[in-house]
C-alpha cells in the first residue's frame, strides 16, 4: 500500500518536472495560480469518506495508484480509428489525446462567425491576456482538492469564446480520448468557455477510451455565461471500466442568462461528476439534467452544488439513475439560497431504478435556505421495473428482453426530453440506446430467435 507521504512525493516529482516545461511558466499570474493550487493539494490530500462531500465515495483506488502524467503521443490515432467516436456536422471538432491537443485529428478551420475555438495551450502561448480575467477565477480550489490538482497541472484543453450576440447553430464538439499506455497515466484537461452577452451556443464534452489500461482523467471546465446568454453544455462519459474520471463543471451566470447542463455517465470504473452553478445575475435560469447507467462494479457519483446568489432566479435539477449488477450510484444534490436571493424558485428531483439485488444507490437531496421569500422543493425515489408494465408489453407479443429495453428507454427518455432537439440530443440518444441494449440483457436462443427479438425491439423502439 502506498503511504500518504509516498503519494505526495510522486505528485511532487511530477509537478516539479511539469512546472519547468509547462506553457506560460514565465507568466507570474499563471505560475502563481499553479503553485497555489498545488500547495492546496499538498495541504488537503485526497478526500476520504469522512469528508461530507465524499461520504459515499472512496477514492483510495485513485490515491493508491502511482499515476504519471501522460506523455504526448508521437504516433497519433488515425482518423479512421476515431471516426466511430465523433459527432458529425458539428460546428467544429477539437480532439485531445491523453490530455494533449491533436491538431491533425481536429477540424476548426472554418468556424462560424462569432466563434473562436482552439487549444488552451495555444491561447496561453499566443494571447494570455485575453484569458487572464477568467482562467482560475471561478473554480473553487480551496473546497475541492481535485480542482486544485487540475489547476496545478493546468496546461491544455479547450478555449471557446462566443462573442456578443453570436448564435452558433451547430455544437462545438470537444473529444477527449484516453489511449492504452505502458503504465497508469493521468491527464488534467482544463477548459475555458466564455459566452458573451446575448450569445447562443451548445458545447459537447465527450470522454472516450481507445484501448485498455489504468487511466485517470481529472478535468475541469469554467463556463462563464454573460447577461442573457443561452448555453447548453453536455458532459458525456463513456470510457472503459478501468478508467477513473473526475469532472468539474463550474458555471458563472449573468443576468437573465439561461444555462442547461446535461450529464450522461455510462462508462468508467469510478466516476465523480461535479456540477456547480452560481446564479450571480438577477433572473438567471439553470437546468441541471443527468442520467447515469451503471453495471458490473461501476461507481458513479453525482455531486450538484447550486448557489442562488441573486433575486428572481430559478433552477431545476433532474437526475435519473439505472443500476444493475453490483453497481453503486450516488446523487448528492445541494441547493444554497443566499440571503439576498429573494423570490428564488428551485426544484430538485432524483429518480432511480435498481435492476438487481446487489445494486446500490445513495441519494441525498439537500436545501440550505437563508432567504425568507422562496419556493424550494426536493425529493428522491428508488424503485424497480414495474412488473405490470412488463407483463402488459409481453402480453402484446414483445419478448422480455425487448420489453425491458422499452421500459428502460422510457425512463431514460425523461432525461432526453429535457434536451433541445438537434445534433447533440440525437448523439446522446444513440449512445444511451446502445448502452441499454446491454443493460437489458443479451438475447438467448437460436440465431433465428435472436434476429426476431432484435426486429421486435426495432419495431417498437
Protein backbone atom coordinates (compact mmCIF):
# COMPACT_ATOMS: atom_id res chain seq x y z
CA UNK A 1 0.00 0.00 0.00
CA UNK A 2 1.26 3.47 -0.88
CA UNK A 3 1.52 5.79 2.12
CA UNK A 4 0.35 9.42 2.12
CA UNK A 5 3.98 10.58 2.02
CA UNK A 6 4.68 8.37 -0.98
CA UNK A 7 1.59 9.75 -2.74
CA UNK A 8 2.74 13.30 -2.14
CA UNK A 9 6.31 12.50 -3.22
CA UNK A 10 5.06 11.02 -6.51
CA UNK A 11 2.91 14.08 -7.32
CA UNK A 12 5.65 16.46 -6.19
CA UNK A 13 8.06 14.86 -8.64
CA UNK A 14 5.51 15.10 -11.44
CA UNK A 15 4.73 18.73 -10.61
CA UNK A 16 8.42 19.71 -10.49
CA UNK A 17 9.01 18.24 -13.95
CA UNK A 18 5.78 19.71 -15.30
CA UNK A 19 6.41 23.21 -13.96
CA UNK A 20 9.75 23.50 -15.76
CA UNK A 21 8.29 22.74 -19.19
CA UNK A 22 4.71 23.98 -18.88
CA UNK A 23 3.46 26.63 -21.25
CA UNK A 24 3.16 30.09 -19.74
CA UNK A 25 5.65 29.39 -16.94
CA UNK A 26 7.07 32.88 -17.47
CA UNK A 27 3.68 34.48 -16.70
CA UNK A 28 3.65 35.45 -13.00
CA UNK A 29 -0.14 35.18 -12.62
CA UNK A 30 -0.29 31.71 -14.18
CA UNK A 31 2.73 30.44 -12.30
CA UNK A 32 1.19 31.63 -9.02
CA UNK A 33 -2.15 30.04 -9.92
CA UNK A 34 -0.46 26.67 -10.41
CA UNK A 35 1.77 26.92 -7.34
CA UNK A 36 -1.06 27.97 -5.01
CA UNK A 37 -3.24 25.14 -6.30
CA UNK A 38 -0.51 22.55 -5.80
CA UNK A 39 0.13 23.86 -2.29
CA UNK A 40 -3.57 23.41 -1.56
CA UNK A 41 -3.46 19.84 -2.89
CA UNK A 42 -0.45 19.04 -0.69
CA UNK A 43 -2.18 20.57 2.31
CA UNK A 44 -5.51 18.77 1.89
CA UNK A 45 -4.52 15.46 0.29
CA UNK A 46 -7.10 13.19 -1.30
CA UNK A 47 -10.54 13.26 0.35
CA UNK A 48 -11.78 10.37 2.47
CA UNK A 49 -15.27 9.17 3.31
CA UNK A 50 -15.01 11.23 6.50
CA UNK A 51 -15.33 14.33 4.29
CA UNK A 52 -19.06 15.08 3.97
CA UNK A 53 -18.93 15.86 0.24
CA UNK A 54 -17.24 12.46 -0.33
CA UNK A 55 -19.21 10.48 2.21
CA UNK A 56 -20.40 7.86 -0.28
CA UNK A 57 -17.31 7.64 -2.50
CA UNK A 58 -13.96 6.09 -1.59
CA UNK A 59 -11.17 7.43 -3.83
CA UNK A 60 -8.41 5.28 -2.33
CA UNK A 61 -8.10 3.44 -5.66
CA UNK A 62 -7.02 6.75 -7.24
CA UNK A 63 -4.82 7.74 -4.31
CA UNK A 64 -3.07 4.37 -4.17
CA UNK A 65 -2.27 4.14 -7.90
CA UNK A 66 1.09 5.64 -8.96
CA UNK A 67 -0.16 7.73 -11.88
CA UNK A 68 2.28 9.61 -14.09
CA UNK A 69 1.48 12.46 -16.46
CA UNK A 70 0.59 11.08 -19.87
CA UNK A 71 3.24 11.94 -22.48
CA UNK A 72 2.35 13.43 -25.82
CA UNK A 73 1.92 10.60 -28.33
CA UNK A 74 4.36 10.60 -31.21
CA UNK A 75 2.11 8.41 -33.31
CA UNK A 76 -1.35 9.85 -33.26
CA UNK A 77 -4.50 7.89 -33.81
CA UNK A 78 -5.86 7.62 -37.31
CA UNK A 79 -8.95 9.44 -38.43
CA UNK A 80 -10.47 6.05 -39.22
CA UNK A 81 -9.96 4.78 -35.66
CA UNK A 82 -11.54 7.94 -34.29
CA UNK A 83 -14.49 8.07 -36.69
CA UNK A 84 -16.92 5.94 -34.60
CA UNK A 85 -16.44 8.32 -31.65
CA UNK A 86 -17.06 11.60 -33.45
CA UNK A 87 -20.08 13.86 -33.75
CA UNK A 88 -20.97 14.55 -37.41
CA UNK A 89 -21.97 18.04 -38.56
CA UNK A 90 -20.54 19.83 -35.54
CA UNK A 91 -19.55 23.49 -35.90
CA UNK A 92 -16.01 22.38 -35.09
CA UNK A 93 -14.18 19.47 -33.51
CA UNK A 94 -11.28 19.73 -31.09
CA UNK A 95 -9.63 16.40 -30.24
CA UNK A 96 -7.38 15.81 -27.24
CA UNK A 97 -5.40 12.58 -26.92
CA UNK A 98 -4.33 11.77 -23.35
CA UNK A 99 -4.90 15.42 -22.48
CA UNK A 100 -2.89 16.88 -25.39
CA UNK A 101 -4.40 18.74 -28.34
CA UNK A 102 -4.22 16.79 -31.60
CA UNK A 103 -4.47 19.31 -34.48
CA UNK A 104 -4.31 16.63 -37.20
CA UNK A 105 -7.45 14.99 -35.78
CA UNK A 106 -9.30 18.26 -35.20
CA UNK A 107 -11.31 20.46 -37.53
CA UNK A 108 -11.51 24.11 -36.53
CA UNK A 109 -10.50 25.90 -39.73
CA UNK A 110 -13.93 27.11 -40.86
CA UNK A 111 -15.60 28.45 -37.77
CA UNK A 112 -18.96 30.24 -37.81
CA UNK A 113 -18.84 33.99 -37.39
CA UNK A 114 -18.56 34.98 -33.75
CA UNK A 115 -16.94 31.74 -32.59
CA UNK A 116 -13.35 31.14 -31.51
CA UNK A 117 -12.37 27.58 -30.60
CA UNK A 118 -8.79 26.45 -30.12
CA UNK A 119 -6.34 24.74 -27.81
CA UNK A 120 -5.98 26.42 -24.42
CA UNK A 121 -2.23 25.82 -24.62
CA UNK A 122 -2.09 27.82 -27.85
CA UNK A 123 -4.12 30.62 -26.27
CA UNK A 124 -1.75 30.75 -23.28
CA UNK A 125 1.21 30.87 -25.62
CA UNK A 126 -0.11 33.48 -28.06
CA UNK A 127 -2.65 35.66 -26.23
CA UNK A 128 -2.71 35.01 -22.47
CA UNK A 129 -4.09 38.47 -21.68
CA UNK A 130 -7.48 37.52 -23.15
CA UNK A 131 -7.96 34.69 -20.67
CA UNK A 132 -6.31 36.10 -17.56
CA UNK A 133 -9.54 37.74 -16.27
CA UNK A 134 -11.36 34.37 -16.36
CA UNK A 135 -8.96 31.43 -16.03
CA UNK A 136 -8.95 30.13 -12.47
CA UNK A 137 -11.20 32.91 -11.22
CA UNK A 138 -14.29 30.81 -10.55
CA UNK A 139 -13.14 27.27 -9.76
CA UNK A 140 -13.04 26.65 -6.00
CA UNK A 141 -9.66 25.03 -5.38
CA UNK A 142 -9.99 25.51 -1.63
CA UNK A 143 -13.12 23.41 -1.40
CA UNK A 144 -12.34 20.76 -3.99
CA UNK A 145 -8.91 19.11 -3.98
CA UNK A 146 -9.41 17.61 -7.46
CA UNK A 147 -9.98 21.11 -8.84
CA UNK A 148 -6.76 22.14 -7.08
CA UNK A 149 -4.93 19.20 -8.66
CA UNK A 150 -6.29 20.09 -12.09
CA UNK A 151 -5.22 23.74 -11.68
CA UNK A 152 -1.74 22.71 -10.54
CA UNK A 153 -1.27 20.77 -13.79
CA UNK A 154 -3.18 23.28 -15.93
CA UNK A 155 -1.68 23.14 -19.42
CA UNK A 156 -4.01 22.16 -22.24
CA UNK A 157 -7.67 21.76 -23.02
CA UNK A 158 -10.19 23.80 -24.98
CA UNK A 159 -10.69 27.55 -25.14
CA UNK A 160 -14.08 28.51 -26.57
CA UNK A 161 -15.13 32.14 -26.96
CA UNK A 162 -18.62 33.00 -28.22
CA UNK A 163 -18.79 36.70 -29.00
CA UNK A 164 -21.57 39.09 -28.07
CA UNK A 165 -24.81 38.35 -29.93
CA UNK A 166 -23.39 35.36 -31.85
CA UNK A 167 -25.76 32.45 -32.48
CA UNK A 168 -23.86 29.22 -33.16
CA UNK A 169 -26.34 26.79 -34.68
CA UNK A 170 -24.28 23.57 -34.51
CA UNK A 171 -22.49 22.16 -31.43
CA UNK A 172 -18.87 22.82 -30.54
CA UNK A 173 -17.53 19.30 -30.07
CA UNK A 174 -14.68 18.60 -27.64
CA UNK A 175 -13.47 14.98 -27.78
CA UNK A 176 -11.13 13.68 -25.08
CA UNK A 177 -9.53 10.31 -25.86
CA UNK A 178 -7.59 8.12 -23.44
CA UNK A 179 -5.34 5.52 -25.03
CA UNK A 180 -3.59 2.37 -23.86
CA UNK A 181 -0.25 3.11 -22.20
CA UNK A 182 2.56 1.13 -20.55
CA UNK A 183 1.56 2.15 -17.01
CA UNK A 184 -1.07 4.11 -15.08
CA UNK A 185 -1.35 7.55 -16.70
CA UNK A 186 -3.19 10.71 -15.72
CA UNK A 187 -4.31 13.79 -17.60
CA UNK A 188 -5.80 17.05 -16.36
CA UNK A 189 -7.67 18.76 -19.21
CA UNK A 190 -8.74 22.34 -18.48
CA UNK A 191 -11.48 24.01 -20.48
CA UNK A 192 -12.44 27.68 -20.50
CA UNK A 193 -15.71 28.68 -22.17
CA UNK A 194 -16.65 32.35 -22.35
CA UNK A 195 -20.08 33.16 -23.78
CA UNK A 196 -20.67 36.90 -24.02
CA UNK A 197 -23.96 38.77 -23.71
CA UNK A 198 -26.91 37.56 -25.83
CA UNK A 199 -24.92 34.67 -27.33
CA UNK A 200 -26.32 31.21 -28.08
CA UNK A 201 -24.22 28.02 -28.26
CA UNK A 202 -24.07 24.30 -27.47
CA UNK A 203 -20.89 22.71 -26.12
CA UNK A 204 -20.36 18.93 -26.03
CA UNK A 205 -17.58 17.38 -23.95
CA UNK A 206 -17.20 13.68 -24.82
CA UNK A 207 -14.80 11.34 -22.98
CA UNK A 208 -13.92 8.01 -24.65
CA UNK A 209 -11.28 5.27 -24.41
CA UNK A 210 -9.39 3.52 -27.18
CA UNK A 211 -7.50 0.64 -25.60
CA UNK A 212 -7.35 -0.59 -22.03
CA UNK A 213 -5.12 0.09 -19.06
CA UNK A 214 -5.49 2.19 -15.94
CA UNK A 215 -6.12 5.87 -16.67
CA UNK A 216 -7.13 8.84 -14.56
CA UNK A 217 -8.77 11.81 -16.27
CA UNK A 218 -9.32 14.79 -13.97
CA UNK A 219 -10.96 17.54 -15.96
CA UNK A 220 -12.28 20.98 -15.03
CA UNK A 221 -14.39 23.38 -17.08
CA UNK A 222 -15.12 27.00 -16.27
CA UNK A 223 -18.13 28.29 -18.23
CA UNK A 224 -18.98 31.97 -18.00
CA UNK A 225 -22.41 32.88 -19.38
CA UNK A 226 -22.90 36.61 -19.90
CA UNK A 227 -26.15 38.52 -19.49
CA UNK A 228 -29.00 36.94 -21.48
CA UNK A 229 -26.72 34.23 -22.93
CA UNK A 230 -28.36 30.88 -23.74
CA UNK A 231 -25.95 27.96 -23.42
CA UNK A 232 -26.35 24.18 -23.43
CA UNK A 233 -23.49 22.08 -22.10
CA UNK A 234 -23.22 18.29 -22.47
CA UNK A 235 -20.84 16.09 -20.49
CA UNK A 236 -20.70 12.52 -21.85
CA UNK A 237 -18.53 9.96 -20.05
CA UNK A 238 -18.20 6.60 -21.86
CA UNK A 239 -14.68 5.45 -21.08
CA UNK A 240 -13.75 1.81 -20.41
CA UNK A 241 -14.22 0.25 -16.99
CA UNK A 242 -10.59 0.59 -15.89
CA UNK A 243 -10.77 4.37 -16.04
CA UNK A 244 -11.14 6.87 -13.22
CA UNK A 245 -12.87 10.06 -14.26
CA UNK A 246 -13.40 13.15 -12.11
CA UNK A 247 -15.03 16.10 -13.87
CA UNK A 248 -15.95 19.51 -12.53
CA UNK A 249 -18.20 21.99 -14.31
CA UNK A 250 -18.22 25.46 -12.76
CA UNK A 251 -20.93 27.75 -14.18
CA UNK A 252 -20.99 31.51 -13.62
CA UNK A 253 -24.27 33.02 -14.82
CA UNK A 254 -25.03 36.64 -15.57
CA UNK A 255 -28.34 38.47 -15.51
CA UNK A 256 -31.23 36.69 -17.28
CA UNK A 257 -28.88 34.02 -18.64
CA UNK A 258 -30.19 30.54 -19.36
CA UNK A 259 -27.81 27.58 -18.99
CA UNK A 260 -28.61 23.88 -19.32
CA UNK A 261 -26.16 21.24 -18.11
CA UNK A 262 -26.74 17.68 -19.38
CA UNK A 263 -24.63 14.84 -17.98
CA UNK A 264 -24.60 11.27 -19.30
CA UNK A 265 -22.47 8.75 -17.42
CA UNK A 266 -22.30 5.26 -18.91
CA UNK A 267 -18.62 4.27 -18.56
CA UNK A 268 -15.71 4.28 -16.16
CA UNK A 269 -14.79 2.33 -13.05
CA UNK A 270 -15.08 5.24 -10.62
CA UNK A 271 -16.70 8.43 -11.90
CA UNK A 272 -17.34 11.65 -10.00
CA UNK A 273 -19.40 14.30 -11.77
CA UNK A 274 -19.37 17.74 -10.09
CA UNK A 275 -21.70 20.48 -11.34
CA UNK A 276 -21.50 23.85 -9.57
CA UNK A 277 -23.60 26.70 -10.99
CA UNK A 278 -23.66 30.11 -9.36
CA UNK A 279 -26.68 32.16 -10.43
CA UNK A 280 -24.98 35.51 -9.88
CA UNK A 281 -27.20 37.72 -12.03
CA UNK A 282 -30.82 38.57 -11.34
CA UNK A 283 -33.34 36.46 -13.26
CA UNK A 284 -30.87 33.73 -14.26
CA UNK A 285 -32.20 30.26 -15.04
CA UNK A 286 -30.38 26.94 -14.79
CA UNK A 287 -31.31 23.36 -15.70
CA UNK A 288 -29.18 20.51 -14.37
CA UNK A 289 -30.22 17.33 -16.11
CA UNK A 290 -28.50 13.99 -15.89
CA UNK A 291 -28.62 10.25 -16.48
CA UNK A 292 -26.24 7.66 -15.07
CA UNK A 293 -26.31 3.98 -16.05
CA UNK A 294 -24.09 1.53 -14.18
CA UNK A 295 -23.47 -2.20 -14.22
CA UNK A 296 -20.80 -4.63 -13.01
CA UNK A 297 -18.84 -2.91 -10.23
CA UNK A 298 -19.06 0.65 -11.56
CA UNK A 299 -19.26 3.53 -9.09
CA UNK A 300 -20.99 6.66 -10.44
CA UNK A 301 -21.14 9.70 -8.16
CA UNK A 302 -23.05 12.89 -8.99
CA UNK A 303 -22.47 15.94 -6.80
CA UNK A 304 -24.56 19.03 -7.51
CA UNK A 305 -24.00 22.34 -5.74
CA UNK A 306 -26.37 25.09 -6.91
CA UNK A 307 -25.91 28.57 -5.45
CA UNK A 308 -28.66 31.15 -5.77
CA UNK A 309 -26.89 34.45 -5.18
CA UNK A 310 -29.33 36.96 -6.72
CA UNK A 311 -33.08 37.57 -6.67
CA UNK A 312 -35.68 36.04 -9.01
CA UNK A 313 -33.53 33.14 -10.24
CA UNK A 314 -34.80 29.63 -10.90
CA UNK A 315 -33.06 26.26 -11.03
CA UNK A 316 -34.18 22.74 -11.83
CA UNK A 317 -32.29 19.54 -11.04
CA UNK A 318 -33.45 16.25 -12.57
CA UNK A 319 -31.23 13.18 -12.32
CA UNK A 320 -32.20 9.62 -13.23
CA UNK A 321 -30.13 6.55 -12.38
CA UNK A 322 -30.26 2.97 -13.70
CA UNK A 323 -28.10 0.47 -11.81
CA UNK A 324 -27.53 -3.23 -12.40
CA UNK A 325 -25.14 -5.88 -11.10
CA UNK A 326 -23.05 -4.60 -8.19
CA UNK A 327 -23.06 -1.01 -9.43
CA UNK A 328 -23.14 1.81 -6.89
CA UNK A 329 -24.71 5.16 -7.69
CA UNK A 330 -24.62 8.40 -5.72
CA UNK A 331 -26.70 11.55 -6.01
CA UNK A 332 -25.82 14.39 -3.66
CA UNK A 333 -27.77 17.46 -4.64
CA UNK A 334 -27.32 20.63 -2.63
CA UNK A 335 -29.10 23.94 -3.16
CA UNK A 336 -27.91 27.02 -1.30
CA UNK A 337 -30.15 30.09 -1.33
CA UNK A 338 -28.17 33.10 -0.14
CA UNK A 339 -29.69 35.89 1.94
CA UNK A 340 -30.16 38.31 -0.96
CA UNK A 341 -31.68 35.71 -3.30
CA UNK A 342 -35.33 36.54 -2.65
CA UNK A 343 -38.01 35.14 -5.00
CA UNK A 344 -35.88 32.05 -5.66
CA UNK A 345 -37.63 29.13 -7.35
CA UNK A 346 -35.69 25.87 -7.06
CA UNK A 347 -36.60 22.21 -7.55
CA UNK A 348 -34.55 19.06 -7.12
CA UNK A 349 -35.58 15.52 -8.11
CA UNK A 350 -33.65 12.25 -8.20
CA UNK A 351 -35.25 9.05 -9.55
CA UNK A 352 -33.54 5.65 -9.57
CA UNK A 353 -34.14 2.14 -10.90
CA UNK A 354 -32.33 -0.80 -9.30
CA UNK A 355 -32.28 -3.82 -11.60
CA UNK A 356 -30.56 -6.26 -9.24
CA UNK A 357 -30.50 -7.09 -5.54
CA UNK A 358 -26.82 -6.08 -5.32
CA UNK A 359 -27.13 -2.65 -6.95
CA UNK A 360 -26.94 0.26 -4.53
CA UNK A 361 -27.91 3.93 -4.56
CA UNK A 362 -27.16 6.64 -2.01
CA UNK A 363 -29.26 9.73 -2.55
CA UNK A 364 -29.09 12.93 -0.51
CA UNK A 365 -31.17 15.91 -1.65
CA UNK A 366 -30.33 18.94 0.47
CA UNK A 367 -31.58 22.52 0.88
CA UNK A 368 -29.89 25.42 2.70
CA UNK A 369 -32.10 28.49 2.65
CA UNK A 370 -31.08 31.85 4.10
CA UNK A 371 -33.78 33.95 2.39
CA UNK A 372 -37.42 34.16 3.51
CA UNK A 373 -39.33 34.57 0.23
CA UNK A 374 -38.55 31.43 -1.77
CA UNK A 375 -40.14 28.35 -3.30
CA UNK A 376 -37.90 25.28 -2.97
CA UNK A 377 -38.70 21.56 -3.15
CA UNK A 378 -36.68 18.35 -3.29
CA UNK A 379 -37.36 14.65 -3.47
CA UNK A 380 -35.95 11.24 -4.37
CA UNK A 381 -37.39 7.86 -5.38
CA UNK A 382 -35.92 4.36 -5.64
CA UNK A 383 -37.72 1.51 -7.39
CA UNK A 384 -37.60 -1.38 -9.82
CA UNK A 385 -39.06 -2.08 -13.24
CA UNK A 386 -42.82 -2.12 -12.92
CA UNK A 387 -43.95 -5.73 -13.28
CA UNK A 388 -47.42 -4.77 -14.52
CA UNK A 389 -45.93 -2.70 -17.34
CA UNK A 390 -43.57 -5.56 -18.23
CA UNK A 391 -46.48 -8.01 -18.27
CA UNK A 392 -48.54 -5.67 -20.46
CA UNK A 393 -45.80 -5.44 -23.09
CA UNK A 394 -45.22 -9.20 -23.05
CA UNK A 395 -48.95 -9.79 -23.46
CA UNK A 396 -48.70 -7.78 -26.69
CA UNK A 397 -46.17 -10.23 -28.15
CA UNK A 398 -42.96 -8.45 -27.17
CA UNK A 399 -40.28 -10.71 -25.71
CA UNK A 400 -38.96 -9.99 -22.21
CA UNK A 401 -35.60 -8.55 -23.29
CA UNK A 402 -37.19 -6.11 -25.72
CA UNK A 403 -39.88 -5.18 -23.20
CA UNK A 404 -37.23 -4.36 -20.60
CA UNK A 405 -35.41 -2.23 -23.17
CA UNK A 406 -38.57 -0.30 -23.90
CA UNK A 407 -39.25 0.43 -20.24
CA UNK A 408 -35.66 1.42 -19.55
CA UNK A 409 -35.58 3.67 -22.60
CA UNK A 410 -38.80 5.33 -21.45
CA UNK A 411 -37.20 6.01 -18.07
CA UNK A 412 -34.03 7.35 -19.72
CA UNK A 413 -36.20 9.29 -22.16
CA UNK A 414 -37.21 11.66 -19.37
CA UNK A 415 -33.64 12.96 -19.49
CA UNK A 416 -33.60 13.17 -23.27
CA UNK A 417 -36.87 15.12 -23.39
CA UNK A 418 -35.25 17.96 -21.45
CA UNK A 419 -32.64 18.42 -24.18
CA UNK A 420 -33.30 20.68 -27.12
CA UNK A 421 -33.85 18.74 -30.37
CA UNK A 422 -30.76 18.68 -32.55
CA UNK A 423 -27.44 17.00 -33.22
CA UNK A 424 -26.30 16.85 -29.58
CA UNK A 425 -29.53 15.28 -28.37
CA UNK A 426 -29.53 12.74 -31.21
CA UNK A 427 -25.95 11.81 -30.31
CA UNK A 428 -26.91 11.30 -26.67
CA UNK A 429 -29.97 9.26 -27.58
CA UNK A 430 -27.97 6.93 -29.80
CA UNK A 431 -25.34 6.30 -27.10
CA UNK A 432 -27.97 5.67 -24.43
CA UNK A 433 -29.97 3.35 -26.67
CA UNK A 434 -26.95 1.22 -27.50
CA UNK A 435 -25.91 1.00 -23.86
CA UNK A 436 -29.37 -0.04 -22.68
CA UNK A 437 -29.25 -2.99 -25.08
CA UNK A 438 -26.56 -4.49 -22.86
CA UNK A 439 -28.18 -3.43 -19.58
CA UNK A 440 -31.49 -5.04 -20.52
CA UNK A 441 -29.75 -8.40 -21.09
CA UNK A 442 -28.33 -10.16 -24.14
CA UNK A 443 -30.89 -12.28 -26.04
CA UNK A 444 -30.53 -16.04 -25.78
CA UNK A 445 -31.64 -18.85 -28.04
CA UNK A 446 -31.03 -19.77 -31.65
CA UNK A 447 -29.76 -17.22 -34.19
CA UNK A 448 -33.21 -17.04 -35.74
CA UNK A 449 -34.81 -16.24 -32.37
CA UNK A 450 -32.20 -13.57 -31.75
CA UNK A 451 -32.92 -11.90 -35.07
CA UNK A 452 -36.66 -11.93 -34.34
CA UNK A 453 -36.12 -10.35 -30.95
CA UNK A 454 -33.97 -7.61 -32.41
CA UNK A 455 -36.58 -6.93 -35.07
CA UNK A 456 -39.24 -6.74 -32.33
CA UNK A 457 -37.15 -4.14 -30.49
CA UNK A 458 -36.52 -2.11 -33.65
CA UNK A 459 -40.24 -2.12 -34.47
CA UNK A 460 -41.23 -0.68 -31.13
CA UNK A 461 -38.07 1.34 -30.16
